[in-house]
C-alpha atoms as a PDB file:
ATOM      1  CA  MET A   1      -0.325  -0.264  -0.248  1.00  0.00           C
ATOM      2  CA  ASN A   2       3.181   1.950  -0.653  1.00  0.00           C
ATOM      3  CA  ASN A   3       4.002   2.887   2.786  1.00  0.00           C
ATOM      4  CA  ILE A   4       0.791   3.218   4.296  1.00  0.00           C
ATOM      5  CA  GLU A   5       0.178   0.901   7.335  1.00  0.00           C
ATOM      6  CA  GLY A   6      -3.160  -1.151   7.548  1.00  0.00           C
ATOM      7  CA  CYS A   7      -5.744  -1.046  10.374  1.00  0.00           C
ATOM      8  CA  GLY A   8      -8.838  -2.914  11.292  1.00  0.00           C
ATOM      9  CA  VAL A   9     -11.516  -1.655  13.554  1.00  0.00           C
ATOM     10  CA  GLU A  10     -14.170  -3.506  15.164  1.00  0.00           C
ATOM     11  CA  VAL A  11     -16.530  -0.974  16.571  1.00  0.00           C
ATOM     12  CA  SER A  12     -18.735  -1.583  19.748  1.00  0.00           C
ATOM     13  CA  ALA A  13     -21.638   0.362  21.678  1.00  0.00           C
ATOM     14  CA  ARG A  14     -18.195   0.728  24.673  1.00  0.00           C
ATOM     15  CA  GLU A  15     -15.152  -0.555  22.849  1.00  0.00           C
ATOM     16  CA  LEU A  16     -12.960  -0.318  20.257  1.00  0.00           C
ATOM     17  CA  VAL A  17     -10.914  -3.139  19.049  1.00  0.00           C
ATOM     18  CA  VAL A  18      -7.790  -2.237  16.845  1.00  0.00           C
ATOM     19  CA  ALA A  19      -5.587  -4.567  14.801  1.00  0.00           C
ATOM     20  CA  ARG A  20      -2.041  -3.764  13.258  1.00  0.00           C
ATOM     21  CA  LYS A  21       0.647  -5.444  11.783  1.00  0.00           C
ATOM     22  CA  GLY A  22       3.810  -5.270  13.996  1.00  0.00           C
ATOM     23  CA  LYS A  23       6.972  -6.626  13.865  1.00  0.00           C
ATOM     24  CA  ALA A  24       5.740  -9.703  15.790  1.00  0.00           C
ATOM     25  CA  GLY A  25       2.804 -10.127  13.744  1.00  0.00           C
ATOM     26  CA  VAL A  26      -0.907  -8.919  14.809  1.00  0.00           C
ATOM     27  CA  GLN A  27      -1.070  -6.680  17.619  1.00  0.00           C
ATOM     28  CA  LEU A  28      -4.219  -5.873  18.976  1.00  0.00           C
ATOM     29  CA  ARG A  29      -5.479  -3.217  21.395  1.00  0.00           C
ATOM     30  CA  ARG A  30      -8.733  -1.974  22.929  1.00  0.00           C
ATOM     31  CA  PHE A  31      -9.733   1.958  23.071  1.00  0.00           C
ATOM     32  CA  ALA A  32     -13.088   3.063  24.508  1.00  0.00           C
ATOM     33  CA  ASN A  33     -15.113   4.034  22.416  1.00  0.00           C
ATOM     34  CA  THR A  34     -15.719   7.656  23.467  1.00  0.00           C
ATOM     35  CA  ALA A  35     -14.332  10.895  22.594  1.00  0.00           C
ATOM     36  CA  ALA A  36     -10.914  10.518  24.712  1.00  0.00           C
ATOM     37  CA  GLY A  37     -10.766   7.312  23.213  1.00  0.00           C
ATOM     38  CA  HIS A  38     -10.844   8.262  19.677  1.00  0.00           C
ATOM     39  CA  ARG A  39      -8.269  10.857  20.495  1.00  0.00           C
ATOM     40  CA  GLN A  40      -5.994   8.208  22.250  1.00  0.00           C
ATOM     41  CA  LEU A  41      -6.348   5.769  19.104  1.00  0.00           C
ATOM     42  CA  LEU A  42      -5.799   8.754  16.511  1.00  0.00           C
ATOM     43  CA  ARG A  43      -2.497   9.565  18.636  1.00  0.00           C
ATOM     44  CA  ALA A  44      -1.545   5.924  18.470  1.00  0.00           C
ATOM     45  CA  LEU A  45      -1.853   5.533  14.559  1.00  0.00           C
ATOM     46  CA  THR A  46      -0.231   8.703  13.321  1.00  0.00           C
ATOM     47  CA  ARG A  47       2.829   8.659  16.317  1.00  0.00           C
ATOM     48  CA  GLY A  48       5.967   9.385  14.320  1.00  0.00           C
ATOM     49  CA  GLY A  49       3.904  10.577  11.211  1.00  0.00           C
ATOM     50  CA  GLN A  50       3.051   7.218   9.945  1.00  0.00           C
ATOM     51  CA  ARG A  51       0.116   6.955   7.385  1.00  0.00           C
ATOM     52  CA  VAL A  52      -2.722   4.548   7.904  1.00  0.00           C
ATOM     53  CA  ARG A  53      -5.642   3.453   5.937  1.00  0.00           C
ATOM     54  CA  VAL A  54      -8.274   2.475   8.357  1.00  0.00           C
ATOM     55  CA  VAL A  55     -11.449  -0.050   7.752  1.00  0.00           C
ATOM     56  CA  LEU A  56     -14.324  -0.188   9.887  1.00  0.00           C
ATOM     57  CA  GLU A  57     -17.931  -1.264   9.074  1.00  0.00           C
ATOM     58  CA  ALA A  58     -20.729   0.998   8.769  1.00  0.00           C
ATOM     59  CA  THR A  59     -22.301   0.411  12.677  1.00  0.00           C
ATOM     60  CA  GLY A  60     -24.395   3.187  12.775  1.00  0.00           C
ATOM     61  CA  LEU A  61     -24.321   5.612  15.517  1.00  0.00           C
ATOM     62  CA  TYR A  62     -21.621   3.719  17.128  1.00  0.00           C
ATOM     63  CA  ALA A  63     -19.251   4.789  14.586  1.00  0.00           C
ATOM     64  CA  LEU A  64     -19.952   7.697  13.244  1.00  0.00           C
ATOM     65  CA  ASP A  65     -17.733  10.193  15.631  1.00  0.00           C
ATOM     66  CA  LEU A  66     -14.739   7.679  15.219  1.00  0.00           C
ATOM     67  CA  ALA A  67     -15.201   8.395  11.481  1.00  0.00           C
ATOM     68  CA  LEU A  68     -16.083  11.974  11.518  1.00  0.00           C
ATOM     69  CA  LEU A  69     -12.856  12.457  13.635  1.00  0.00           C
ATOM     70  CA  LEU A  70     -10.274   9.984  11.593  1.00  0.00           C
ATOM     71  CA  SER A  71     -11.504  11.298   7.895  1.00  0.00           C
ATOM     72  CA  ALA A  72     -10.684  15.107   9.122  1.00  0.00           C
ATOM     73  CA  GLN A  73      -6.913  13.664   9.362  1.00  0.00           C
ATOM     74  CA  GLU A  74      -4.244  14.046   6.193  1.00  0.00           C
ATOM     75  CA  GLN A  75      -2.657  11.252   7.577  1.00  0.00           C
ATOM     76  CA  VAL A  76      -5.597   8.933   7.584  1.00  0.00           C
ATOM     77  CA  GLN A  77      -7.603   7.440   4.665  1.00  0.00           C
ATOM     78  CA  LEU A  78     -10.568   5.938   6.169  1.00  0.00           C
ATOM     79  CA  MET A  79     -12.672   3.068   4.469  1.00  0.00           C
ATOM     80  CA  VAL A  80     -16.166   2.684   6.311  1.00  0.00           C
ATOM     81  CA  ALA A  81     -16.624  -1.355   4.826  1.00  0.00           C
ATOM     82  CA  ASN A  82     -20.595  -2.985   3.913  1.00  0.00           C
ATOM     83  CA  PRO A  83     -20.973  -5.439   6.892  1.00  0.00           C
ATOM     84  CA  ARG A  84     -22.084  -7.750   3.858  1.00  0.00           C
ATOM     85  CA  ALA A  85     -18.809  -7.287   2.054  1.00  0.00           C
ATOM     86  CA  VAL A  86     -16.659  -8.034   4.960  1.00  0.00           C
ATOM     87  CA  ARG A  87     -18.620 -11.282   5.916  1.00  0.00           C
ATOM     88  CA  HIS A  88     -18.238 -12.317   2.366  1.00  0.00           C
ATOM     89  CA  PHE A  89     -14.514 -11.519   2.857  1.00  0.00           C
ATOM     90  CA  ALA A  90     -14.284 -13.263   5.967  1.00  0.00           C
ATOM     91  CA  GLN A  91     -16.078 -16.407   4.428  1.00  0.00           C
ATOM     92  CA  ALA A  92     -13.172 -16.436   1.679  1.00  0.00           C
ATOM     93  CA  MET A  93     -10.814 -16.329   4.246  1.00  0.00           C
ATOM     94  CA  MET A  94     -12.262 -19.468   5.714  1.00  0.00           C
ATOM     95  CA  GLN A  95     -13.105 -17.733   9.026  1.00  0.00           C
ATOM     96  CA  ARG A  96     -16.266 -19.015  10.437  1.00  0.00           C
ATOM     97  CA  SER A  97     -15.626 -18.102  14.383  1.00  0.00           C
ATOM     98  CA  LYS A  98     -16.750 -14.475  15.539  1.00  0.00           C
ATOM     99  CA  ASN A  99     -15.630 -12.267  18.186  1.00  0.00           C
ATOM    100  CA  ASP A 100     -14.564  -8.768  18.052  1.00  0.00           C
ATOM    101  CA  GLN A 101     -10.914  -9.649  18.214  1.00  0.00           C
ATOM    102  CA  LEU A 102     -11.084 -11.591  15.064  1.00  0.00           C
ATOM    103  CA  ASP A 103     -13.310  -9.550  13.300  1.00  0.00           C
ATOM    104  CA  ALA A 104     -10.737  -6.810  14.089  1.00  0.00           C
ATOM    105  CA  VAL A 105      -8.299  -9.215  12.069  1.00  0.00           C
ATOM    106  CA  VAL A 106     -10.409  -9.554   9.114  1.00  0.00           C
ATOM    107  CA  LEU A 107     -10.892  -5.880   8.875  1.00  0.00           C
ATOM    108  CA  LEU A 108      -6.978  -5.470   8.926  1.00  0.00           C
ATOM    109  CA  GLU A 109      -6.649  -8.127   5.997  1.00  0.00           C
ATOM    110  CA  PHE A 110      -9.428  -6.382   4.223  1.00  0.00           C
ATOM    111  CA  ALA A 111      -7.680  -3.340   4.333  1.00  0.00           C
ATOM    112  CA  GLU A 112      -4.417  -4.310   2.943  1.00  0.00           C
ATOM    113  CA  ARG A 113      -6.328  -6.588   0.315  1.00  0.00           C
ATOM    114  CA  MET A 114      -9.070  -5.491  -1.096  1.00  0.00           C
ATOM    115  CA  PRO A 115      -9.396  -2.135  -3.271  1.00  0.00           C
ATOM    116  CA  PHE A 116      -9.623   0.752  -1.592  1.00  0.00           C
ATOM    117  CA  THR A 117     -13.148   3.173  -1.382  1.00  0.00           C
ATOM    118  CA  PRO A 118     -12.963   6.419   0.942  1.00  0.00           C
ATOM    119  CA  TRP A 119     -15.515   7.443   3.390  1.00  0.00           C
ATOM    120  CA  VAL A 120     -16.965  10.277   1.633  1.00  0.00           C
ATOM    121  CA  ARG A 121     -17.157  12.982   4.754  1.00  0.00           C
ATOM    122  CA  PRO A 122     -21.234  14.198   4.696  1.00  0.00           C
ATOM    123  CA  ALA A 123     -21.445  18.054   4.703  1.00  0.00           C
ATOM    124  CA  GLU A 124     -22.769  19.352   8.356  1.00  0.00           C
ATOM    125  CA  ASN A 125     -26.306  19.939   6.690  1.00  0.00           C
ATOM    126  CA  THR A 126     -26.719  16.790   5.297  1.00  0.00           C
ATOM    127  CA  LEU A 127     -25.917  15.095   8.510  1.00  0.00           C
ATOM    128  CA  ALA A 128     -27.906  17.178  10.625  1.00  0.00           C
ATOM    129  CA  LEU A 129     -30.874  16.102   7.630  1.00  0.00           C
ATOM    130  CA  TRP A 130     -30.015  12.674   7.826  1.00  0.00           C
ATOM    131  CA  ALA A 131     -30.329  12.399  12.066  1.00  0.00           C
ATOM    132  CA  ILE A 132     -33.845  14.639  11.534  1.00  0.00           C
ATOM    133  CA  ALA A 133     -34.750  11.873   9.131  1.00  0.00           C
ATOM    134  CA  ARG A 134     -34.036   9.111  11.587  1.00  0.00           C
ATOM    135  CA  ARG A 135     -35.711  10.210  14.669  1.00  0.00           C
ATOM    136  CA  LEU A 136     -38.968  11.028  12.284  1.00  0.00           C
ATOM    137  CA  GLN A 137     -38.588   7.720  11.090  1.00  0.00           C
ATOM    138  CA  ALA A 138     -38.842   6.588  14.707  1.00  0.00           C
ATOM    139  CA  LEU A 139     -41.703   8.828  16.016  1.00  0.00           C
ATOM    140  CA  THR A 140     -43.864   7.621  12.812  1.00  0.00           C
ATOM    141  CA  LYS A 141     -43.856   4.267  13.824  1.00  0.00           C
ATOM    142  CA  LEU A 142     -44.588   5.292  17.762  1.00  0.00           C
ATOM    143  CA  CYS A 143     -47.413   7.448  16.472  1.00  0.00           C
ATOM    144  CA  THR A 144     -48.449   4.827  14.304  1.00  0.00           C
ATOM    145  CA  ALA A 145     -48.390   1.911  17.072  1.00  0.00           C
ATOM    146  CA  GLU A 146     -50.306   4.647  19.265  1.00  0.00           C
ATOM    147  CA  LYS A 147     -53.129   4.971  16.983  1.00  0.00           C
ATOM    148  CA  ASN A 148     -53.521   1.110  16.432  1.00  0.00           C
ATOM    149  CA  ARG A 149     -53.648   0.890  20.276  1.00  0.00           C
ATOM    150  CA  ALA A 150     -56.152   3.573  20.577  1.00  0.00           C
ATOM    151  CA  HIS A 151     -58.211   1.901  17.722  1.00  0.00           C
ATOM    152  CA  ALA A 152     -58.204  -1.686  19.480  1.00  0.00           C
ATOM    153  CA  MET A 153     -59.116  -0.162  22.767  1.00  0.00           C
ATOM    154  CA  GLY A 154     -61.814   2.386  21.497  1.00  0.00           C
ATOM    155  CA  LEU A 155     -63.650  -1.018  20.609  1.00  0.00           C
ATOM    156  CA  SER A 156     -63.919  -1.978  24.578  1.00  0.00           C
ATOM    157  CA  GLU A 157     -65.734  -0.529  27.145  1.00  0.00           C
ATOM    158  CA  ALA A 158     -63.478  -2.428  29.717  1.00  0.00           C
ATOM    159  CA  ILE A 159     -60.539  -0.369  28.829  1.00  0.00           C
ATOM    160  CA  PRO A 160     -60.556   2.601  31.601  1.00  0.00           C
ATOM    161  CA  ALA A 161     -60.924   6.071  29.973  1.00  0.00           C
ATOM    162  CA  MET A 162     -57.705   7.421  31.576  1.00  0.00           C
ATOM    163  CA  VAL A 163     -56.096   4.827  29.418  1.00  0.00           C
ATOM    164  CA  ARG A 164     -57.555   6.448  26.490  1.00  0.00           C
ATOM    165  CA  ARG A 165     -56.736   9.939  27.067  1.00  0.00           C
ATOM    166  CA  ASP A 166     -53.231   9.019  28.160  1.00  0.00           C
ATOM    167  CA  ILE A 167     -52.937   7.392  24.632  1.00  0.00           C
ATOM    168  CA  ALA A 168     -54.072  10.489  22.922  1.00  0.00           C
ATOM    169  CA  ARG A 169     -51.971  12.737  25.267  1.00  0.00           C
ATOM    170  CA  SER A 170     -49.232  10.883  23.724  1.00  0.00           C
ATOM    171  CA  LEU A 171     -50.149  11.120  20.323  1.00  0.00           C
ATOM    172  CA  GLN A 172     -50.492  14.556  20.292  1.00  0.00           C
ATOM    173  CA  PHE A 173     -47.118  15.041  22.104  1.00  0.00           C
ATOM    174  CA  HIS A 174     -45.350  12.998  19.651  1.00  0.00           C
ATOM    175  CA  GLN A 175     -46.846  14.904  16.594  1.00  0.00           C
ATOM    176  CA  ARG A 176     -45.911  17.990  18.079  1.00  0.00           C
ATOM    177  CA  ALA A 177     -42.274  17.192  18.167  1.00  0.00           C
ATOM    178  CA  MET A 178     -42.667  15.789  14.547  1.00  0.00           C
ATOM    179  CA  LYS A 179     -43.568  19.253  13.600  1.00  0.00           C
ATOM    180  CA  LYS A 180     -40.926  20.941  15.171  1.00  0.00           C
ATOM    181  CA  LEU A 181     -38.588  18.225  13.393  1.00  0.00           C
ATOM    182  CA  ARG A 182     -39.908  19.308  10.289  1.00  0.00           C
ATOM    183  CA  GLN A 183     -39.781  22.877  10.400  1.00  0.00           C
ATOM    184  CA  GLN A 184     -36.126  22.346  11.704  1.00  0.00           C
ATOM    185  CA  ALA A 185     -35.849  20.079   8.411  1.00  0.00           C
ATOM    186  CA  LEU A 186     -37.041  23.277   6.316  1.00  0.00           C
ATOM    187  CA  GLN A 187     -34.345  25.404   7.955  1.00  0.00           C
ATOM    188  CA  CYS A 188     -31.620  23.105   7.007  1.00  0.00           C
ATOM    189  CA  ILE A 189     -33.059  22.390   3.584  1.00  0.00           C
ATOM    190  CA  ALA A 190     -32.941  26.696   3.218  1.00  0.00           C
ATOM    191  CA  ALA A 191     -29.737  27.150   4.171  1.00  0.00           C
ATOM    192  CA  ASP A 192     -28.200  25.292   1.487  1.00  0.00           C
ATOM    193  CA  ALA A 193     -28.339  26.247  -1.928  1.00  0.00           C
ATOM    194  CA  GLN A 194     -27.464  22.140  -3.228  1.00  0.00           C
ATOM    195  CA  LEU A 195     -30.836  20.878  -0.813  1.00  0.00           C
ATOM    196  CA  GLN A 196     -33.150  23.754  -1.795  1.00  0.00           C
ATOM    197  CA  GLN A 197     -32.621  22.972  -5.155  1.00  0.00           C
ATOM    198  CA  ARG A 198     -33.200  19.238  -4.454  1.00  0.00           C
ATOM    199  CA  TYR A 199     -36.112  20.279  -2.916  1.00  0.00           C
ATOM    200  CA  GLN A 200     -37.418  22.524  -5.435  1.00  0.00           C
ATOM    201  CA  LEU A 201     -37.140  19.689  -8.097  1.00  0.00           C
ATOM    202  CA  LEU A 202     -38.939  16.947  -5.728  1.00  0.00           C
ATOM    203  CA  ARG A 203     -41.477  19.213  -5.300  1.00  0.00           C
ATOM    204  CA  SER A 204     -42.286  19.194  -8.851  1.00  0.00           C
ATOM    205  CA  VAL A 205     -42.536  15.249  -8.834  1.00  0.00           C
ATOM    206  CA  PRO A 206     -46.321  14.442  -9.285  1.00  0.00           C
ATOM    207  CA  GLY A 207     -47.645  12.634  -6.256  1.00  0.00           C
ATOM    208  CA  LEU A 208     -44.651  12.893  -4.156  1.00  0.00           C
ATOM    209  CA  GLY A 209     -46.024  15.998  -1.994  1.00  0.00           C
ATOM    210  CA  GLU A 210     -44.511  19.138  -0.075  1.00  0.00           C
ATOM    211  CA  ARG A 211     -43.730  16.635   3.084  1.00  0.00           C
ATOM    212  CA  GLY A 212     -41.984  13.722   0.301  1.00  0.00           C
ATOM    213  CA  SER A 213     -39.993  16.318  -1.016  1.00  0.00           C
ATOM    214  CA  ARG A 214     -38.808  17.930   2.192  1.00  0.00           C
ATOM    215  CA  CYS A 215     -37.811  14.219   3.384  1.00  0.00           C
ATOM    216  CA  ALA A 216     -36.589  13.475  -0.218  1.00  0.00           C
ATOM    217  CA  ALA A 217     -34.160  16.427  -0.380  1.00  0.00           C
ATOM    218  CA  MET A 218     -32.716  15.134   3.289  1.00  0.00           C
ATOM    219  CA  GLY A 219     -29.347  14.586   1.540  1.00  0.00           C
ATOM    220  CA  GLY A 220     -27.872  11.134   2.760  1.00  0.00           C
ATOM    221  CA  LEU A 221     -30.953   9.564   2.696  1.00  0.00           C
ATOM    222  CA  ARG A 222     -30.419   7.808  -0.570  1.00  0.00           C
ATOM    223  CA  ARG A 223     -27.964   5.723   1.626  1.00  0.00           C
ATOM    224  CA  LEU A 224     -30.298   4.533   4.225  1.00  0.00           C
ATOM    225  CA  GLY A 225     -32.487   2.594   2.245  1.00  0.00           C
ATOM    226  CA  SER A 226     -34.258   1.456  -1.171  1.00  0.00           C
ATOM    227  CA  ALA A 227     -35.890   4.095  -3.261  1.00  0.00           C
ATOM    228  CA  ARG A 228     -38.927   2.091  -2.570  1.00  0.00           C
ATOM    229  CA  VAL A 229     -38.308   1.871   1.013  1.00  0.00           C
ATOM    230  CA  GLN A 230     -37.804   6.072   0.902  1.00  0.00           C
ATOM    231  CA  LEU A 231     -41.086   6.520  -1.062  1.00  0.00           C
ATOM    232  CA  GLY A 232     -43.110   4.465   0.710  1.00  0.00           C
ATOM    233  CA  TYR A 233     -42.206   6.371   4.097  1.00  0.00           C
ATOM    234  CA  PHE A 234     -42.806   9.438   2.216  1.00  0.00           C
ATOM    235  CA  GLY A 235     -46.607   7.972   1.545  1.00  0.00           C
ATOM    236  CA  ALA A 236     -46.397   7.331  -1.870  1.00  0.00           C
ATOM    237  CA  GLN A 237     -46.932   4.158  -3.645  1.00  0.00           C
ATOM    238  CA  VAL A 238     -44.350   2.426  -6.101  1.00  0.00           C
ATOM    239  CA  HIS A 239     -45.824   0.389  -8.561  1.00  0.00           C
ATOM    240  CA  ALA A 240     -44.459  -1.810 -11.354  1.00  0.00           C
ATOM    241  CA  HIS A 241     -45.017  -0.967 -15.124  1.00  0.00           C
END
């Protein structure tokens, strides 16, 4: 890798297991998955001006802060690998066992042997909109569940009125939160010319509507699922022709 050292990082909620090659073979170290732990890892990776190619798996929010830190360093090349690709690579290596240490070694081998695809650091607005979209999706599911409960309980006279009122209050609370999040999303879109252009273009799509256009303009959503899943969340139906 042209004097670039490989490194595999297995990420969990509390810990980072790091695999690198030393004079005595593969070396494993552990760091806390915290801001302080991330800084310690960065110092260890770049000590002496060493350039390093880091591969970690896409594990959602657990790896996000680390990826943002590493991607901002000139000495670090970062790839966030698709978990399926890593799993297939491990199978090709005849690696059937699975734990954090072995996973870190597999990621190290992946970094050294596989084509490198650099991780594209998202813009600040894109990241904010991605977070808003995730929260809106969670609240939408929660409200749907509460509506189903309200409907079921409304069919039974045995359910106390206080329970039905509590569900109604819960729905109102979460619906207000969703309204505020959508307003924040519009502010983020308005502050970014590229997002604003995408938003206006999407508004011209028949059947998508303002809500769908707003959500689809949330940069990075295209990475979170298929077009069918995204449009289904926006309330549009997708039919094969």
